[in-house]
Amino acid sequence: MVIIGTLTMAQFSIVNFRQPVTLKNIILNSTFADISILWAKFAIGKVLFDIKHLKSDQDMAAKGLFFRYPNMG
C-alpha cells in the first residue's frame, strides 16, 4: 500500500505541478511531504511489528492469569 500510495501521489504531483521547478516548490507545493510522512509511518509500523512478533523462543514463556482461560475438561 505504501508503494502504491507513493506512486499515486507522485504521479498526481507531477501532472498538476504548474509552478517553476525549484527545490522550494518541490518540497512545499507538491506531495513530497505526504510521501515522506507515509514512509515514516511505514518504518515505525515495521519496527513495532518486529518488536511485537519476532521475539526469540526464550522470551516466549507462558505469561498471564491462570483463571483467564479456564480448563473445563
PDB file of N, CA and C in Angstrom:
ATOM      1  N   MET A   1       0.819  -1.189   0.000  1.00  0.00           N
ATOM      2  CA  MET A   1       0.000   0.000   0.000  1.00  0.00           C
ATOM      3  C   MET A   1       0.867   1.259   0.000  1.00  0.00           C
ATOM      4  N   VAL A   2       1.992   1.195   0.675  1.00  0.00           N
ATOM      5  CA  VAL A   2       2.874   2.365   0.717  1.00  0.00           C
ATOM      6  C   VAL A   2       3.438   2.651  -0.671  1.00  0.00           C
ATOM      7  N   ILE A   3       3.815   1.608  -1.386  1.00  0.00           N
ATOM      8  CA  ILE A   3       4.369   1.802  -2.729  1.00  0.00           C
ATOM      9  C   ILE A   3       3.294   2.347  -3.671  1.00  0.00           C
ATOM     10  N   ILE A   4       2.092   1.797  -3.599  1.00  0.00           N
ATOM     11  CA  ILE A   4       1.000   2.285  -4.447  1.00  0.00           C
ATOM     12  C   ILE A   4       0.670   3.739  -4.097  1.00  0.00           C
ATOM     13  N   GLY A   5       0.626   4.052  -2.816  1.00  0.00           N
ATOM     14  CA  GLY A   5       0.366   5.432  -2.393  1.00  0.00           C
ATOM     15  C   GLY A   5       1.450   6.387  -2.856  1.00  0.00           C
ATOM     16  N   THR A   6       2.697   5.946  -2.792  1.00  0.00           N
ATOM     17  CA  THR A   6       3.800   6.790  -3.239  1.00  0.00           C
ATOM     18  C   THR A   6       3.703   7.056  -4.734  1.00  0.00           C
ATOM     19  N   LEU A   7       3.464   6.008  -5.509  1.00  0.00           N
ATOM     20  CA  LEU A   7       3.371   6.184  -6.962  1.00  0.00           C
ATOM     21  C   LEU A   7       2.180   7.049  -7.349  1.00  0.00           C
ATOM     22  N   THR A   8       1.061   6.857  -6.688  1.00  0.00           N
ATOM     23  CA  THR A   8      -0.132   7.638  -6.996  1.00  0.00           C
ATOM     24  C   THR A   8       0.066   9.110  -6.646  1.00  0.00           C
ATOM     25  N   MET A   9       0.603   9.387  -5.471  1.00  0.00           N
ATOM     26  CA  MET A   9       0.813  10.779  -5.074  1.00  0.00           C
ATOM     27  C   MET A   9       1.870  11.453  -5.938  1.00  0.00           C
ATOM     28  N   ALA A  10       2.931  10.737  -6.296  1.00  0.00           N
ATOM     29  CA  ALA A  10       3.962  11.320  -7.140  1.00  0.00           C
ATOM     30  C   ALA A  10       3.414  11.627  -8.533  1.00  0.00           C
ATOM     31  N   GLN A  11       2.624  10.714  -9.088  1.00  0.00           N
ATOM     32  CA  GLN A  11       2.035  10.943 -10.404  1.00  0.00           C
ATOM     33  C   GLN A  11       1.090  12.141 -10.368  1.00  0.00           C
ATOM     34  N   PHE A  12       0.269  12.241  -9.336  1.00  0.00           N
ATOM     35  CA  PHE A  12      -0.643  13.373  -9.188  1.00  0.00           C
ATOM     36  C   PHE A  12       0.131  14.681  -9.077  1.00  0.00           C
ATOM     37  N   SER A  13       1.214  14.663  -8.322  1.00  0.00           N
ATOM     38  CA  SER A  13       2.001  15.867  -8.123  1.00  0.00           C
ATOM     39  C   SER A  13       2.685  16.303  -9.418  1.00  0.00           C
ATOM     40  N   ILE A  14       3.179  15.354 -10.194  1.00  0.00           N
ATOM     41  CA  ILE A  14       3.856  15.685 -11.447  1.00  0.00           C
ATOM     42  C   ILE A  14       2.863  16.238 -12.465  1.00  0.00           C
ATOM     43  N   VAL A  15       1.692  15.637 -12.559  1.00  0.00           N
ATOM     44  CA  VAL A  15       0.694  16.070 -13.535  1.00  0.00           C
ATOM     45  C   VAL A  15       0.170  17.462 -13.207  1.00  0.00           C
ATOM     46  N   ASN A  16      -0.024  17.778 -11.933  1.00  0.00           N
ATOM     47  CA  ASN A  16      -0.633  19.047 -11.533  1.00  0.00           C
ATOM     48  C   ASN A  16       0.370  20.102 -11.102  1.00  0.00           C
ATOM     49  N   PHE A  17       1.635  19.934 -11.386  1.00  0.00           N
ATOM     50  CA  PHE A  17       2.655  20.908 -10.980  1.00  0.00           C
ATOM     51  C   PHE A  17       2.685  22.036 -12.001  1.00  0.00           C
ATOM     52  N   ARG A  18       2.341  23.261 -11.590  1.00  0.00           N
ATOM     53  CA  ARG A  18       2.217  24.393 -12.508  1.00  0.00           C
ATOM     54  C   ARG A  18       3.282  25.470 -12.295  1.00  0.00           C
ATOM     55  N   GLN A  19       4.026  25.401 -11.225  1.00  0.00           N
ATOM     56  CA  GLN A  19       4.965  26.465 -10.894  1.00  0.00           C
ATOM     57  C   GLN A  19       6.346  26.131 -11.424  1.00  0.00           C
ATOM     58  N   PRO A  20       7.261  27.095 -11.406  1.00  0.00           N
ATOM     59  CA  PRO A  20       8.632  26.775 -11.837  1.00  0.00           C
ATOM     60  C   PRO A  20       9.263  25.723 -10.910  1.00  0.00           C
ATOM     61  N   VAL A  21      10.083  24.891 -11.498  1.00  0.00           N
ATOM     62  CA  VAL A  21      10.676  23.786 -10.745  1.00  0.00           C
ATOM     63  C   VAL A  21      11.881  24.295  -9.959  1.00  0.00           C
ATOM     64  N   THR A  22      11.684  24.468  -8.677  1.00  0.00           N
ATOM     65  CA  THR A  22      12.768  24.809  -7.758  1.00  0.00           C
ATOM     66  C   THR A  22      12.671  23.857  -6.574  1.00  0.00           C
ATOM     67  N   LEU A  23      13.731  23.775  -5.814  1.00  0.00           N
ATOM     68  CA  LEU A  23      13.734  22.878  -4.660  1.00  0.00           C
ATOM     69  C   LEU A  23      12.645  23.263  -3.659  1.00  0.00           C
ATOM     70  N   LYS A  24      12.471  24.559  -3.441  1.00  0.00           N
ATOM     71  CA  LYS A  24      11.442  25.035  -2.516  1.00  0.00           C
ATOM     72  C   LYS A  24      10.044  24.630  -2.989  1.00  0.00           C
ATOM     73  N   ASN A  25       9.764  24.794  -4.271  1.00  0.00           N
ATOM     74  CA  ASN A  25       8.444  24.432  -4.796  1.00  0.00           C
ATOM     75  C   ASN A  25       8.224  22.933  -4.777  1.00  0.00           C
ATOM     76  N   ILE A  26       9.257  22.149  -5.019  1.00  0.00           N
ATOM     77  CA  ILE A  26       9.110  20.697  -4.983  1.00  0.00           C
ATOM     78  C   ILE A  26       8.780  20.226  -3.572  1.00  0.00           C
ATOM     79  N   ILE A  27       9.433  20.806  -2.581  1.00  0.00           N
ATOM     80  CA  ILE A  27       9.202  20.377  -1.193  1.00  0.00           C
ATOM     81  C   ILE A  27       7.877  20.898  -0.652  1.00  0.00           C
ATOM     82  N   LEU A  28       7.565  22.154  -0.904  1.00  0.00           N
ATOM     83  CA  LEU A  28       6.400  22.776  -0.277  1.00  0.00           C
ATOM     84  C   LEU A  28       5.111  22.685  -1.094  1.00  0.00           C
ATOM     85  N   ASN A  29       5.199  22.644  -2.415  1.00  0.00           N
ATOM     86  CA  ASN A  29       3.999  22.704  -3.251  1.00  0.00           C
ATOM     87  C   ASN A  29       3.739  21.408  -4.001  1.00  0.00           C
ATOM     88  N   SER A  30       4.195  20.314  -3.465  1.00  0.00           N
ATOM     89  CA  SER A  30       3.922  19.013  -4.070  1.00  0.00           C
ATOM     90  C   SER A  30       3.529  18.051  -2.952  1.00  0.00           C
ATOM     91  N   THR A  31       3.407  16.790  -3.298  1.00  0.00           N
ATOM     92  CA  THR A  31       3.047  15.787  -2.295  1.00  0.00           C
ATOM     93  C   THR A  31       4.282  15.142  -1.668  1.00  0.00           C
ATOM     94  N   PHE A  32       5.418  15.799  -1.775  1.00  0.00           N
ATOM     95  CA  PHE A  32       6.652  15.268  -1.198  1.00  0.00           C
ATOM     96  C   PHE A  32       6.538  15.074   0.312  1.00  0.00           C
ATOM     97  N   ALA A  33       5.943  16.036   0.997  1.00  0.00           N
ATOM     98  CA  ALA A  33       5.785  15.927   2.457  1.00  0.00           C
ATOM     99  C   ALA A  33       4.856  14.772   2.819  1.00  0.00           C
ATOM    100  N   ASP A  34       3.797  14.594   2.047  1.00  0.00           N
ATOM    101  CA  ASP A  34       2.865  13.491   2.302  1.00  0.00           C
ATOM    102  C   ASP A  34       3.534  12.138   2.085  1.00  0.00           C
ATOM    103  N   ILE A  35       4.336  12.050   1.050  1.00  0.00           N
ATOM    104  CA  ILE A  35       5.063  10.805   0.780  1.00  0.00           C
ATOM    105  C   ILE A  35       6.061  10.523   1.898  1.00  0.00           C
ATOM    106  N   SER A  36       6.732  11.554   2.382  1.00  0.00           N
ATOM    107  CA  SER A  36       7.680  11.379   3.495  1.00  0.00           C
ATOM    108  C   SER A  36       6.977  10.892   4.754  1.00  0.00           C
ATOM    109  N   ILE A  37       5.818  11.459   5.055  1.00  0.00           N
ATOM    110  CA  ILE A  37       5.046  11.028   6.222  1.00  0.00           C
ATOM    111  C   ILE A  37       4.598   9.581   6.055  1.00  0.00           C
ATOM    112  N   LEU A  38       4.174   9.212   4.855  1.00  0.00           N
ATOM    113  CA  LEU A  38       3.739   7.849   4.580  1.00  0.00           C
ATOM    114  C   LEU A  38       4.868   6.850   4.828  1.00  0.00           C
ATOM    115  N   TRP A  39       6.070   7.144   4.341  1.00  0.00           N
ATOM    116  CA  TRP A  39       7.195   6.221   4.535  1.00  0.00           C
ATOM    117  C   TRP A  39       7.652   6.193   5.996  1.00  0.00           C
ATOM    118  N   ALA A  40       7.545   7.330   6.704  1.00  0.00           N
ATOM    119  CA  ALA A  40       7.893   7.340   8.128  1.00  0.00           C
ATOM    120  C   ALA A  40       6.917   6.481   8.924  1.00  0.00           C
ATOM    121  N   LYS A  41       5.623   6.557   8.605  1.00  0.00           N
ATOM    122  CA  LYS A  41       4.638   5.717   9.283  1.00  0.00           C
ATOM    123  C   LYS A  41       4.879   4.242   8.989  1.00  0.00           C
ATOM    124  N   PHE A  42       5.282   3.929   7.764  1.00  0.00           N
ATOM    125  CA  PHE A  42       5.591   2.552   7.407  1.00  0.00           C
ATOM    126  C   PHE A  42       6.784   2.041   8.218  1.00  0.00           C
ATOM    127  N   ALA A  43       7.827   2.863   8.342  1.00  0.00           N
ATOM    128  CA  ALA A  43       9.015   2.453   9.098  1.00  0.00           C
ATOM    129  C   ALA A  43       8.688   2.233  10.571  1.00  0.00           C
ATOM    130  N   ILE A  44       7.897   3.121  11.151  1.00  0.00           N
ATOM    131  CA  ILE A  44       7.516   2.970  12.552  1.00  0.00           C
ATOM    132  C   ILE A  44       6.666   1.720  12.742  1.00  0.00           C
ATOM    133  N   GLY A  45       5.738   1.481  11.844  1.00  0.00           N
ATOM    134  CA  GLY A  45       4.910   0.279  11.924  1.00  0.00           C
ATOM    135  C   GLY A  45       5.718  -0.991  11.798  1.00  0.00           C
ATOM    136  N   LYS A  46       6.722  -0.994  10.914  1.00  0.00           N
ATOM    137  CA  LYS A  46       7.567  -2.170  10.750  1.00  0.00           C
ATOM    138  C   LYS A  46       8.379  -2.436  12.008  1.00  0.00           C
ATOM    139  N   VAL A  47       8.903  -1.400  12.615  1.00  0.00           N
ATOM    140  CA  VAL A  47       9.662  -1.569  13.861  1.00  0.00           C
ATOM    141  C   VAL A  47       8.772  -2.125  14.962  1.00  0.00           C
ATOM    142  N   LEU A  48       7.568  -1.584  15.106  1.00  0.00           N
ATOM    143  CA  LEU A  48       6.656  -2.085  16.131  1.00  0.00           C
ATOM    144  C   LEU A  48       6.247  -3.525  15.860  1.00  0.00           C
ATOM    145  N   PHE A  49       6.035  -3.887  14.609  1.00  0.00           N
ATOM    146  CA  PHE A  49       5.704  -5.267  14.263  1.00  0.00           C
ATOM    147  C   PHE A  49       6.848  -6.198  14.609  1.00  0.00           C
ATOM    148  N   ASP A  50       8.074  -5.798  14.268  1.00  0.00           N
ATOM    149  CA  ASP A  50       9.231  -6.639  14.566  1.00  0.00           C
ATOM    150  C   ASP A  50       9.430  -6.815  16.070  1.00  0.00           C
ATOM    151  N   ILE A  51       9.206  -5.769  16.822  1.00  0.00           N
ATOM    152  CA  ILE A  51       9.357  -5.869  18.271  1.00  0.00           C
ATOM    153  C   ILE A  51       8.312  -6.811  18.861  1.00  0.00           C
ATOM    154  N   LYS A  52       7.086  -6.723  18.379  1.00  0.00           N
ATOM    155  CA  LYS A  52       5.983  -7.492  18.948  1.00  0.00           C
ATOM    156  C   LYS A  52       6.002  -8.957  18.517  1.00  0.00           C
ATOM    157  N   HIS A  53       6.256  -9.234  17.243  1.00  0.00           N
ATOM    158  CA  HIS A  53       6.032 -10.569  16.712  1.00  0.00           C
ATOM    159  C   HIS A  53       7.291 -11.389  16.453  1.00  0.00           C
ATOM    160  N   LEU A  54       8.433 -10.799  16.435  1.00  0.00           N
ATOM    161  CA  LEU A  54       9.639 -11.540  16.081  1.00  0.00           C
ATOM    162  C   LEU A  54      10.578 -11.708  17.270  1.00  0.00           C
ATOM    163  N   LYS A  55      10.011 -12.071  18.400  1.00  0.00           N
ATOM    164  CA  LYS A  55      10.828 -12.330  19.581  1.00  0.00           C
ATOM    165  C   LYS A  55      11.445 -13.718  19.478  1.00  0.00           C
ATOM    166  N   SER A  56      12.501 -13.932  20.224  1.00  0.00           N
ATOM    167  CA  SER A  56      13.112 -15.261  20.226  1.00  0.00           C
ATOM    168  C   SER A  56      12.282 -16.216  21.083  1.00  0.00           C
ATOM    169  N   ASP A  57      12.516 -17.512  20.937  1.00  0.00           N
ATOM    170  CA  ASP A  57      11.747 -18.514  21.690  1.00  0.00           C
ATOM    171  C   ASP A  57      12.030 -18.461  23.182  1.00  0.00           C
ATOM    172  N   GLN A  58      13.163 -17.930  23.586  1.00  0.00           N
ATOM    173  CA  GLN A  58      13.488 -17.842  25.005  1.00  0.00           C
ATOM    174  C   GLN A  58      12.586 -16.847  25.714  1.00  0.00           C
ATOM    175  N   ASP A  59      12.141 -15.844  25.004  1.00  0.00           N
ATOM    176  CA  ASP A  59      11.282 -14.830  25.608  1.00  0.00           C
ATOM    177  C   ASP A  59       9.820 -15.234  25.626  1.00  0.00           C
ATOM    178  N   MET A  60       9.497 -16.368  25.055  1.00  0.00           N
ATOM    179  CA  MET A  60       8.111 -16.762  24.904  1.00  0.00           C
ATOM    180  C   MET A  60       7.621 -17.649  26.051  1.00  0.00           C
ATOM    181  N   ALA A  61       7.953 -17.306  27.255  1.00  0.00           N
ATOM    182  CA  ALA A  61       7.474 -18.054  28.416  1.00  0.00           C
ATOM    183  C   ALA A  61       5.984 -17.798  28.601  1.00  0.00           C
ATOM    184  N   ALA A  62       5.298 -18.768  29.162  1.00  0.00           N
ATOM    185  CA  ALA A  62       3.858 -18.625  29.381  1.00  0.00           C
ATOM    186  C   ALA A  62       3.613 -17.557  30.437  1.00  0.00           C
ATOM    187  N   LYS A  63       2.866 -16.555  30.060  1.00  0.00           N
ATOM    188  CA  LYS A  63       2.567 -15.458  30.969  1.00  0.00           C
ATOM    189  C   LYS A  63       1.067 -15.233  30.956  1.00  0.00           C
ATOM    190  N   GLY A  64       0.556 -14.664  31.993  1.00  0.00           N
ATOM    191  CA  GLY A  64      -0.855 -14.339  32.037  1.00  0.00           C
ATOM    192  C   GLY A  64      -1.498 -14.888  33.289  1.00  0.00           C
ATOM    193  N   LEU A  65      -2.761 -14.633  33.409  1.00  0.00           N
ATOM    194  CA  LEU A  65      -3.513 -15.067  34.574  1.00  0.00           C
ATOM    195  C   LEU A  65      -4.004 -16.495  34.362  1.00  0.00           C
ATOM    196  N   PHE A  66      -3.883 -17.315  35.391  1.00  0.00           N
ATOM    197  CA  PHE A  66      -4.270 -18.715  35.244  1.00  0.00           C
ATOM    198  C   PHE A  66      -5.778 -18.878  35.121  1.00  0.00           C
ATOM    199  N   PHE A  67      -6.550 -17.934  35.616  1.00  0.00           N
ATOM    200  CA  PHE A  67      -8.008 -18.068  35.584  1.00  0.00           C
ATOM    201  C   PHE A  67      -8.641 -17.421  34.363  1.00  0.00           C
ATOM    202  N   ARG A  68      -7.850 -16.874  33.490  1.00  0.00           N
ATOM    203  CA  ARG A  68      -8.412 -16.215  32.326  1.00  0.00           C
ATOM    204  C   ARG A  68      -9.002 -17.215  31.336  1.00  0.00           C
ATOM    205  N   TYR A  69      -8.307 -18.330  31.129  1.00  0.00           N
ATOM    206  CA  TYR A  69      -8.792 -19.359  30.223  1.00  0.00           C
ATOM    207  C   TYR A  69      -8.989 -20.637  31.035  1.00  0.00           C
ATOM    208  N   PRO A  70     -10.152 -20.826  31.610  1.00  0.00           N
ATOM    209  CA  PRO A  70     -10.346 -21.978  32.481  1.00  0.00           C
ATOM    210  C   PRO A  70     -10.370 -23.287  31.693  1.00  0.00           C
ATOM    211  N   ASN A  71      -9.888 -24.342  32.331  1.00  0.00           N
ATOM    212  CA  ASN A  71      -9.926 -25.673  31.740  1.00  0.00           C
ATOM    213  C   ASN A  71     -11.192 -26.358  32.229  1.00  0.00           C
ATOM    214  N   MET A  72     -12.125 -26.591  31.329  1.00  0.00           N
ATOM    215  CA  MET A  72     -13.395 -27.205  31.707  1.00  0.00           C
ATOM    216  C   MET A  72     -13.391 -28.705  31.525  1.00  0.00           C
ATOM    217  N   GLY A  73     -12.248 -29.280  31.191  1.00  0.00           N
ATOM    218  CA  GLY A  73     -12.285 -30.633  30.779  1.00  0.00           C
ATOM    219  C   GLY A  73     -11.799 -31.698  31.631  1.00  0.00           C
TER     220      GLY A  73
END
